[in-house]
């Protein structure tokens, strides 16, 4: 499974303030033009996020697990001239030795762009979040995204809804569901999650980042899901 098509993911630390013995839950926070970075992975090198990969495709595919960590600011700029750039690792937590994939992300208050394994290439450049972040908003996420088969596709994003969402046994009171639609495949891609009409649905939680992603084939059949399961100290 190619980890860089997910771009992965992460657990919300919900702050509960206690007064006179009664827990007070923070109010639901809606994204504004100055806060979309709050819906991406917090820049903390002290934590690691555990994810489960659940595969529905049958023979030749299997469930697995992996970890996601922030490695700090990378001393370079992207091909677009954006800086600073955060470095992340997606790791197979069960393989021996552990296998890692590096991904670069530019995070700002108005746009968040993932570049995959090279911030100097547009091959896997994906605009994952963009202002205004609200239900019904749309944007062009990628124009020439290169699939695992080496074919180019366009990807268009649509904000489905803002909701309270439960995943991995934890409740997240402020989450945006966003669908990324694949169009314009050069030819029939062997990966169903990158064929024309396929869709990746991602859920981004406030103060957490991506907590779940599900890939759907063009016929709407679910192919696989990645979802948050744990958060621990590194």
C-alpha atoms as a PDB file:
ATOM      1  CA  UNK A   1       0.000   0.000   0.000  1.00  0.00           C
ATOM      2  CA  UNK A   2       1.348   3.380  -0.930  1.00  0.00           C
ATOM      3  CA  UNK A   3       1.298   5.558   2.120  1.00  0.00           C
ATOM      4  CA  UNK A   4       1.699   8.842   0.324  1.00  0.00           C
ATOM      5  CA  UNK A   5      -1.789   8.626  -1.189  1.00  0.00           C
ATOM      6  CA  UNK A   6      -3.154   9.135   2.266  1.00  0.00           C
ATOM      7  CA  UNK A   7      -1.757  11.672   3.562  1.00  0.00           C
ATOM      8  CA  UNK A   8      -2.221  11.076   6.650  1.00  0.00           C
ATOM      9  CA  UNK A   9      -3.402  11.825  10.041  1.00  0.00           C
ATOM     10  CA  UNK A  10      -3.779  12.282  13.915  1.00  0.00           C
ATOM     11  CA  UNK A  11      -5.491  12.466  17.386  1.00  0.00           C
ATOM     12  CA  UNK A  12      -7.103  15.421  19.090  1.00  0.00           C
ATOM     13  CA  UNK A  13      -6.016  16.218  22.626  1.00  0.00           C
ATOM     14  CA  UNK A  14      -9.245  17.557  24.103  1.00  0.00           C
ATOM     15  CA  UNK A  15      -8.671  19.959  26.963  1.00  0.00           C
ATOM     16  CA  UNK A  16     -11.152  19.581  29.789  1.00  0.00           C
ATOM     17  CA  UNK A  17     -11.154  22.288  32.418  1.00  0.00           C
ATOM     18  CA  UNK A  18     -12.402  21.210  35.813  1.00  0.00           C
ATOM     19  CA  UNK A  19     -13.974  23.613  38.288  1.00  0.00           C
ATOM     20  CA  UNK A  20     -15.649  22.735  41.574  1.00  0.00           C
ATOM     21  CA  UNK A  21     -15.682  19.100  40.544  1.00  0.00           C
ATOM     22  CA  UNK A  22     -17.717  19.732  37.375  1.00  0.00           C
ATOM     23  CA  UNK A  23     -15.993  19.197  33.987  1.00  0.00           C
ATOM     24  CA  UNK A  24     -16.441  22.042  31.512  1.00  0.00           C
ATOM     25  CA  UNK A  25     -16.109  21.008  27.866  1.00  0.00           C
ATOM     26  CA  UNK A  26     -14.733  23.678  25.501  1.00  0.00           C
ATOM     27  CA  UNK A  27     -17.298  25.035  23.010  1.00  0.00           C
ATOM     28  CA  UNK A  28     -17.377  23.835  19.417  1.00  0.00           C
ATOM     29  CA  UNK A  29     -14.978  25.901  17.317  1.00  0.00           C
ATOM     30  CA  UNK A  30     -15.787  26.627  13.691  1.00  0.00           C
ATOM     31  CA  UNK A  31     -13.016  27.298  11.205  1.00  0.00           C
ATOM     32  CA  UNK A  32     -12.424  30.869  10.120  1.00  0.00           C
ATOM     33  CA  UNK A  33     -10.158  32.407   7.512  1.00  0.00           C
ATOM     34  CA  UNK A  34      -7.476  32.733  10.214  1.00  0.00           C
ATOM     35  CA  UNK A  35      -7.644  29.282  11.766  1.00  0.00           C
ATOM     36  CA  UNK A  36      -7.562  26.472   9.186  1.00  0.00           C
ATOM     37  CA  UNK A  37      -4.104  25.497  10.447  1.00  0.00           C
ATOM     38  CA  UNK A  38      -5.911  24.391  13.634  1.00  0.00           C
ATOM     39  CA  UNK A  39      -7.393  21.538  11.579  1.00  0.00           C
ATOM     40  CA  UNK A  40      -4.015  20.132  10.568  1.00  0.00           C
ATOM     41  CA  UNK A  41      -1.464  18.138  12.582  1.00  0.00           C
ATOM     42  CA  UNK A  42      -0.134  20.119  15.563  1.00  0.00           C
ATOM     43  CA  UNK A  43       3.631  20.829  15.169  1.00  0.00           C
ATOM     44  CA  UNK A  44       4.806  18.779  18.156  1.00  0.00           C
ATOM     45  CA  UNK A  45       7.808  16.483  17.945  1.00  0.00           C
ATOM     46  CA  UNK A  46       6.938  14.967  21.345  1.00  0.00           C
ATOM     47  CA  UNK A  47       4.004  12.882  20.126  1.00  0.00           C
ATOM     48  CA  UNK A  48       3.315   9.976  17.810  1.00  0.00           C
ATOM     49  CA  UNK A  49      -0.066   9.089  16.376  1.00  0.00           C
ATOM     50  CA  UNK A  50      -1.135   5.502  15.796  1.00  0.00           C
ATOM     51  CA  UNK A  51      -3.380   4.646  12.856  1.00  0.00           C
ATOM     52  CA  UNK A  52      -5.148   1.492  11.721  1.00  0.00           C
ATOM     53  CA  UNK A  53      -5.395   0.634   8.032  1.00  0.00           C
ATOM     54  CA  UNK A  54      -8.523  -1.419   7.300  1.00  0.00           C
ATOM     55  CA  UNK A  55      -8.603  -2.949   3.825  1.00  0.00           C
ATOM     56  CA  UNK A  56     -11.795  -4.092   2.111  1.00  0.00           C
ATOM     57  CA  UNK A  57     -10.302  -5.159  -1.229  1.00  0.00           C
ATOM     58  CA  UNK A  58      -9.855  -8.853  -0.486  1.00  0.00           C
ATOM     59  CA  UNK A  59      -7.106 -11.158  -1.724  1.00  0.00           C
ATOM     60  CA  UNK A  60      -3.691  -9.549  -1.932  1.00  0.00           C
ATOM     61  CA  UNK A  61      -4.516  -6.810   0.571  1.00  0.00           C
ATOM     62  CA  UNK A  62      -4.388  -6.839   4.357  1.00  0.00           C
ATOM     63  CA  UNK A  63      -5.084  -4.702   7.409  1.00  0.00           C
ATOM     64  CA  UNK A  64      -2.073  -3.042   9.005  1.00  0.00           C
ATOM     65  CA  UNK A  65      -1.009  -0.231  11.309  1.00  0.00           C
ATOM     66  CA  UNK A  66       1.342   2.721  11.047  1.00  0.00           C
ATOM     67  CA  UNK A  67       2.516   5.772  12.964  1.00  0.00           C
ATOM     68  CA  UNK A  68       2.554   9.441  12.030  1.00  0.00           C
ATOM     69  CA  UNK A  69       5.036  11.924  13.520  1.00  0.00           C
ATOM     70  CA  UNK A  70       6.037  15.538  13.039  1.00  0.00           C
ATOM     71  CA  UNK A  71       9.803  15.891  12.607  1.00  0.00           C
ATOM     72  CA  UNK A  72      10.139  19.669  12.732  1.00  0.00           C
ATOM     73  CA  UNK A  73      10.758  22.452  10.217  1.00  0.00           C
ATOM     74  CA  UNK A  74      12.732  21.540   7.101  1.00  0.00           C
ATOM     75  CA  UNK A  75      15.333  24.147   6.146  1.00  0.00           C
ATOM     76  CA  UNK A  76      14.136  24.603   2.568  1.00  0.00           C
ATOM     77  CA  UNK A  77      11.261  26.060   0.584  1.00  0.00           C
ATOM     78  CA  UNK A  78       8.804  24.399  -1.746  1.00  0.00           C
ATOM     79  CA  UNK A  79       8.847  24.605  -5.536  1.00  0.00           C
ATOM     80  CA  UNK A  80       6.224  27.347  -5.113  1.00  0.00           C
ATOM     81  CA  UNK A  81       8.545  29.316  -2.852  1.00  0.00           C
ATOM     82  CA  UNK A  82       6.539  28.642   0.313  1.00  0.00           C
ATOM     83  CA  UNK A  83       8.337  28.416   3.653  1.00  0.00           C
ATOM     84  CA  UNK A  84       8.696  27.154   6.295  1.00  0.00           C
ATOM     85  CA  UNK A  85       8.025  23.530   5.421  1.00  0.00           C
ATOM     86  CA  UNK A  86       7.172  20.877   7.999  1.00  0.00           C
ATOM     87  CA  UNK A  87       8.642  17.392   7.702  1.00  0.00           C
ATOM     88  CA  UNK A  88       6.586  14.331   8.612  1.00  0.00           C
ATOM     89  CA  UNK A  89       7.140  10.583   8.745  1.00  0.00           C
ATOM     90  CA  UNK A  90       4.559   7.943   7.961  1.00  0.00           C
ATOM     91  CA  UNK A  91       5.886   4.685   9.336  1.00  0.00           C
ATOM     92  CA  UNK A  92       4.938   1.050   9.251  1.00  0.00           C
ATOM     93  CA  UNK A  93       4.909   0.285  12.962  1.00  0.00           C
ATOM     94  CA  UNK A  94       4.831  -3.507  12.499  1.00  0.00           C
ATOM     95  CA  UNK A  95       7.582  -4.083   9.916  1.00  0.00           C
ATOM     96  CA  UNK A  96      11.072  -5.148  10.959  1.00  0.00           C
ATOM     97  CA  UNK A  97      13.069  -3.058  10.338  1.00  0.00           C
ATOM     98  CA  UNK A  98      10.553  -0.220  10.411  1.00  0.00           C
ATOM     99  CA  UNK A  99       9.917   1.313   7.010  1.00  0.00           C
ATOM    100  CA  UNK A 100       9.386   5.063   6.754  1.00  0.00           C
ATOM    101  CA  UNK A 101       8.094   7.483   4.165  1.00  0.00           C
ATOM    102  CA  UNK A 102       8.876  11.178   4.417  1.00  0.00           C
ATOM    103  CA  UNK A 103       6.344  13.811   3.401  1.00  0.00           C
ATOM    104  CA  UNK A 104       6.599  17.579   3.322  1.00  0.00           C
ATOM    105  CA  UNK A 105       3.766  19.979   4.135  1.00  0.00           C
ATOM    106  CA  UNK A 106       3.388  23.748   3.984  1.00  0.00           C
ATOM    107  CA  UNK A 107       0.989  24.970   6.675  1.00  0.00           C
ATOM    108  CA  UNK A 108      -0.423  28.502   6.851  1.00  0.00           C
ATOM    109  CA  UNK A 109      -3.637  30.156   8.016  1.00  0.00           C
ATOM    110  CA  UNK A 110      -5.015  30.315   4.473  1.00  0.00           C
ATOM    111  CA  UNK A 111      -3.771  27.201   2.658  1.00  0.00           C
ATOM    112  CA  UNK A 112      -2.245  23.830   3.528  1.00  0.00           C
ATOM    113  CA  UNK A 113      -0.333  21.943   0.837  1.00  0.00           C
ATOM    114  CA  UNK A 114       1.103  18.425   1.005  1.00  0.00           C
ATOM    115  CA  UNK A 115       3.968  17.618  -1.386  1.00  0.00           C
ATOM    116  CA  UNK A 116       4.684  13.965  -0.744  1.00  0.00           C
ATOM    117  CA  UNK A 117       8.335  12.888  -0.634  1.00  0.00           C
ATOM    118  CA  UNK A 118       9.719  15.992  -2.349  1.00  0.00           C
ATOM    119  CA  UNK A 119       8.725  19.602  -1.752  1.00  0.00           C
ATOM    120  CA  UNK A 120      10.585  20.426  -4.969  1.00  0.00           C
ATOM    121  CA  UNK A 121       8.181  18.402  -7.102  1.00  0.00           C
ATOM    122  CA  UNK A 122       4.529  18.917  -8.042  1.00  0.00           C
ATOM    123  CA  UNK A 123       3.966  15.206  -8.720  1.00  0.00           C
ATOM    124  CA  UNK A 124       2.099  14.685  -5.458  1.00  0.00           C
ATOM    125  CA  UNK A 125       1.264  18.303  -4.665  1.00  0.00           C
ATOM    126  CA  UNK A 126      -2.175  18.399  -3.049  1.00  0.00           C
ATOM    127  CA  UNK A 127      -4.001  21.408  -1.588  1.00  0.00           C
ATOM    128  CA  UNK A 128      -5.679  19.638   1.324  1.00  0.00           C
ATOM    129  CA  UNK A 129      -7.217  22.665   3.061  1.00  0.00           C
ATOM    130  CA  UNK A 130      -8.006  26.169   1.894  1.00  0.00           C
ATOM    131  CA  UNK A 131      -9.984  29.182   3.073  1.00  0.00           C
ATOM    132  CA  UNK A 132     -12.828  29.710   3.390  1.00  0.00           C
ATOM    133  CA  UNK A 133     -13.286  26.379   5.159  1.00  0.00           C
ATOM    134  CA  UNK A 134     -17.049  25.954   5.248  1.00  0.00           C
ATOM    135  CA  UNK A 135     -19.676  23.511   4.010  1.00  0.00           C
ATOM    136  CA  UNK A 136     -20.119  23.763   0.244  1.00  0.00           C
ATOM    137  CA  UNK A 137     -16.712  25.315  -0.446  1.00  0.00           C
ATOM    138  CA  UNK A 138     -14.724  23.887  -3.386  1.00  0.00           C
ATOM    139  CA  UNK A 139     -11.224  24.246  -4.804  1.00  0.00           C
ATOM    140  CA  UNK A 140      -8.836  22.600  -7.258  1.00  0.00           C
ATOM    141  CA  UNK A 141      -6.678  20.352  -5.073  1.00  0.00           C
ATOM    142  CA  UNK A 142      -4.369  19.149  -7.879  1.00  0.00           C
ATOM    143  CA  UNK A 143      -4.119  19.403 -11.648  1.00  0.00           C
ATOM    144  CA  UNK A 144      -1.383  16.875 -12.492  1.00  0.00           C
ATOM    145  CA  UNK A 145      -1.223  14.546  -9.498  1.00  0.00           C
ATOM    146  CA  UNK A 146       0.886  11.497 -10.396  1.00  0.00           C
ATOM    147  CA  UNK A 147      -0.687   8.180  -9.346  1.00  0.00           C
ATOM    148  CA  UNK A 148       1.223   5.051  -8.248  1.00  0.00           C
ATOM    149  CA  UNK A 149       0.975   3.920 -11.900  1.00  0.00           C
ATOM    150  CA  UNK A 150       2.659   7.117 -13.054  1.00  0.00           C
ATOM    151  CA  UNK A 151      -0.494   8.513 -14.641  1.00  0.00           C
ATOM    152  CA  UNK A 152      -1.682  12.088 -14.150  1.00  0.00           C
ATOM    153  CA  UNK A 153      -5.058  12.959 -12.658  1.00  0.00           C
ATOM    154  CA  UNK A 154      -6.890  16.062 -11.525  1.00  0.00           C
ATOM    155  CA  UNK A 155      -8.339  16.208  -8.018  1.00  0.00           C
ATOM    156  CA  UNK A 156     -11.129  18.548  -6.927  1.00  0.00           C
ATOM    157  CA  UNK A 157     -12.030  19.163  -3.282  1.00  0.00           C
ATOM    158  CA  UNK A 158     -15.488  19.735  -1.798  1.00  0.00           C
ATOM    159  CA  UNK A 159     -16.266  20.507   1.861  1.00  0.00           C
ATOM    160  CA  UNK A 160     -19.159  18.182   2.722  1.00  0.00           C
ATOM    161  CA  UNK A 161     -20.102  19.312   6.221  1.00  0.00           C
ATOM    162  CA  UNK A 162     -19.003  20.415   9.685  1.00  0.00           C
ATOM    163  CA  UNK A 163     -19.983  17.877  12.351  1.00  0.00           C
ATOM    164  CA  UNK A 164     -19.395  16.148  15.641  1.00  0.00           C
ATOM    165  CA  UNK A 165     -17.516  12.962  14.781  1.00  0.00           C
ATOM    166  CA  UNK A 166     -16.520   9.794  16.617  1.00  0.00           C
ATOM    167  CA  UNK A 167     -13.612   7.624  15.504  1.00  0.00           C
ATOM    168  CA  UNK A 168     -11.301   5.215  17.297  1.00  0.00           C
ATOM    169  CA  UNK A 169     -13.435   5.440  20.416  1.00  0.00           C
ATOM    170  CA  UNK A 170     -12.929   9.210  20.776  1.00  0.00           C
ATOM    171  CA  UNK A 171     -15.362  12.022  20.079  1.00  0.00           C
ATOM    172  CA  UNK A 172     -14.286  15.139  18.188  1.00  0.00           C
ATOM    173  CA  UNK A 173     -16.737  18.057  18.528  1.00  0.00           C
ATOM    174  CA  UNK A 174     -15.469  20.107  15.561  1.00  0.00           C
ATOM    175  CA  UNK A 175     -14.668  18.167  12.380  1.00  0.00           C
ATOM    176  CA  UNK A 176     -14.801  18.971   8.669  1.00  0.00           C
ATOM    177  CA  UNK A 177     -15.597  16.201   6.197  1.00  0.00           C
ATOM    178  CA  UNK A 178     -13.974  16.874   2.820  1.00  0.00           C
ATOM    179  CA  UNK A 179     -14.243  14.820  -0.373  1.00  0.00           C
ATOM    180  CA  UNK A 180     -11.480  14.746  -2.989  1.00  0.00           C
ATOM    181  CA  UNK A 181     -12.765  13.649  -6.415  1.00  0.00           C
ATOM    182  CA  UNK A 182     -10.388  12.106  -8.968  1.00  0.00           C
ATOM    183  CA  UNK A 183     -11.001  13.078 -12.602  1.00  0.00           C
ATOM    184  CA  UNK A 184      -9.214  12.994 -15.920  1.00  0.00           C
ATOM    185  CA  UNK A 185      -7.141   9.832 -15.551  1.00  0.00           C
ATOM    186  CA  UNK A 186      -4.853   9.569 -18.592  1.00  0.00           C
ATOM    187  CA  UNK A 187      -5.707   5.888 -18.983  1.00  0.00           C
ATOM    188  CA  UNK A 188      -7.169   3.104 -16.875  1.00  0.00           C
ATOM    189  CA  UNK A 189      -5.121   3.170 -13.674  1.00  0.00           C
ATOM    190  CA  UNK A 190      -4.609  -0.206 -12.012  1.00  0.00           C
ATOM    191  CA  UNK A 191      -5.375   1.354  -8.616  1.00  0.00           C
ATOM    192  CA  UNK A 192      -9.131   1.645  -8.124  1.00  0.00           C
ATOM    193  CA  UNK A 193      -8.632   4.536  -5.714  1.00  0.00           C
ATOM    194  CA  UNK A 194      -7.120   6.634  -8.524  1.00  0.00           C
ATOM    195  CA  UNK A 195      -9.426   5.783 -11.400  1.00  0.00           C
ATOM    196  CA  UNK A 196     -11.707   8.391 -12.930  1.00  0.00           C
ATOM    197  CA  UNK A 197     -14.665   8.970 -10.614  1.00  0.00           C
ATOM    198  CA  UNK A 198     -13.014   7.594  -7.474  1.00  0.00           C
ATOM    199  CA  UNK A 199     -13.110   9.616  -4.267  1.00  0.00           C
ATOM    200  CA  UNK A 200     -11.129  10.035  -1.053  1.00  0.00           C
ATOM    201  CA  UNK A 201     -13.126  11.304   1.915  1.00  0.00           C
ATOM    202  CA  UNK A 202     -11.113  12.806   4.788  1.00  0.00           C
ATOM    203  CA  UNK A 203     -12.139  14.037   8.218  1.00  0.00           C
ATOM    204  CA  UNK A 204     -10.104  16.851   9.857  1.00  0.00           C
ATOM    205  CA  UNK A 205     -10.546  17.567  13.568  1.00  0.00           C
ATOM    206  CA  UNK A 206      -9.851  20.838  15.359  1.00  0.00           C
ATOM    207  CA  UNK A 207      -6.465  20.819  17.164  1.00  0.00           C
ATOM    208  CA  UNK A 208      -5.770  17.366  15.711  1.00  0.00           C
ATOM    209  CA  UNK A 209      -5.619  17.103  11.955  1.00  0.00           C
ATOM    210  CA  UNK A 210      -6.800  14.210   9.826  1.00  0.00           C
ATOM    211  CA  UNK A 211      -8.433  11.539  11.972  1.00  0.00           C
ATOM    212  CA  UNK A 212      -9.869   9.365   9.208  1.00  0.00           C
ATOM    213  CA  UNK A 213      -9.663   8.757   5.458  1.00  0.00           C
ATOM    214  CA  UNK A 214     -11.717   6.378   3.331  1.00  0.00           C
ATOM    215  CA  UNK A 215     -11.109   5.681  -0.355  1.00  0.00           C
ATOM    216  CA  UNK A 216     -14.049   4.852  -2.625  1.00  0.00           C
ATOM    217  CA  UNK A 217     -13.966   3.359  -6.107  1.00  0.00           C
ATOM    218  CA  UNK A 218     -15.881   4.978  -8.969  1.00  0.00           C
ATOM    219  CA  UNK A 219     -18.792   2.636  -8.229  1.00  0.00           C
ATOM    220  CA  UNK A 220     -18.855   4.076  -4.640  1.00  0.00           C
ATOM    221  CA  UNK A 221     -17.580   0.826  -3.103  1.00  0.00           C
ATOM    222  CA  UNK A 222     -15.323   1.452  -0.093  1.00  0.00           C
ATOM    223  CA  UNK A 223     -11.757   0.255  -0.771  1.00  0.00           C
ATOM    224  CA  UNK A 224      -9.878   1.009   2.447  1.00  0.00           C
ATOM    225  CA  UNK A 225      -9.964   3.170   5.556  1.00  0.00           C
ATOM    226  CA  UNK A 226      -7.243   4.751   7.697  1.00  0.00           C
ATOM    227  CA  UNK A 227      -8.353   5.900  11.132  1.00  0.00           C
ATOM    228  CA  UNK A 228      -6.776   7.234  14.298  1.00  0.00           C
ATOM    229  CA  UNK A 229      -6.452   4.802  17.191  1.00  0.00           C
ATOM    230  CA  UNK A 230      -3.939   6.205  19.691  1.00  0.00           C
ATOM    231  CA  UNK A 231      -1.660   9.051  20.686  1.00  0.00           C
ATOM    232  CA  UNK A 232       1.436   8.485  22.800  1.00  0.00           C
ATOM    233  CA  UNK A 233       4.689  10.144  23.770  1.00  0.00           C
ATOM    234  CA  UNK A 234       7.651   9.411  21.512  1.00  0.00           C
END
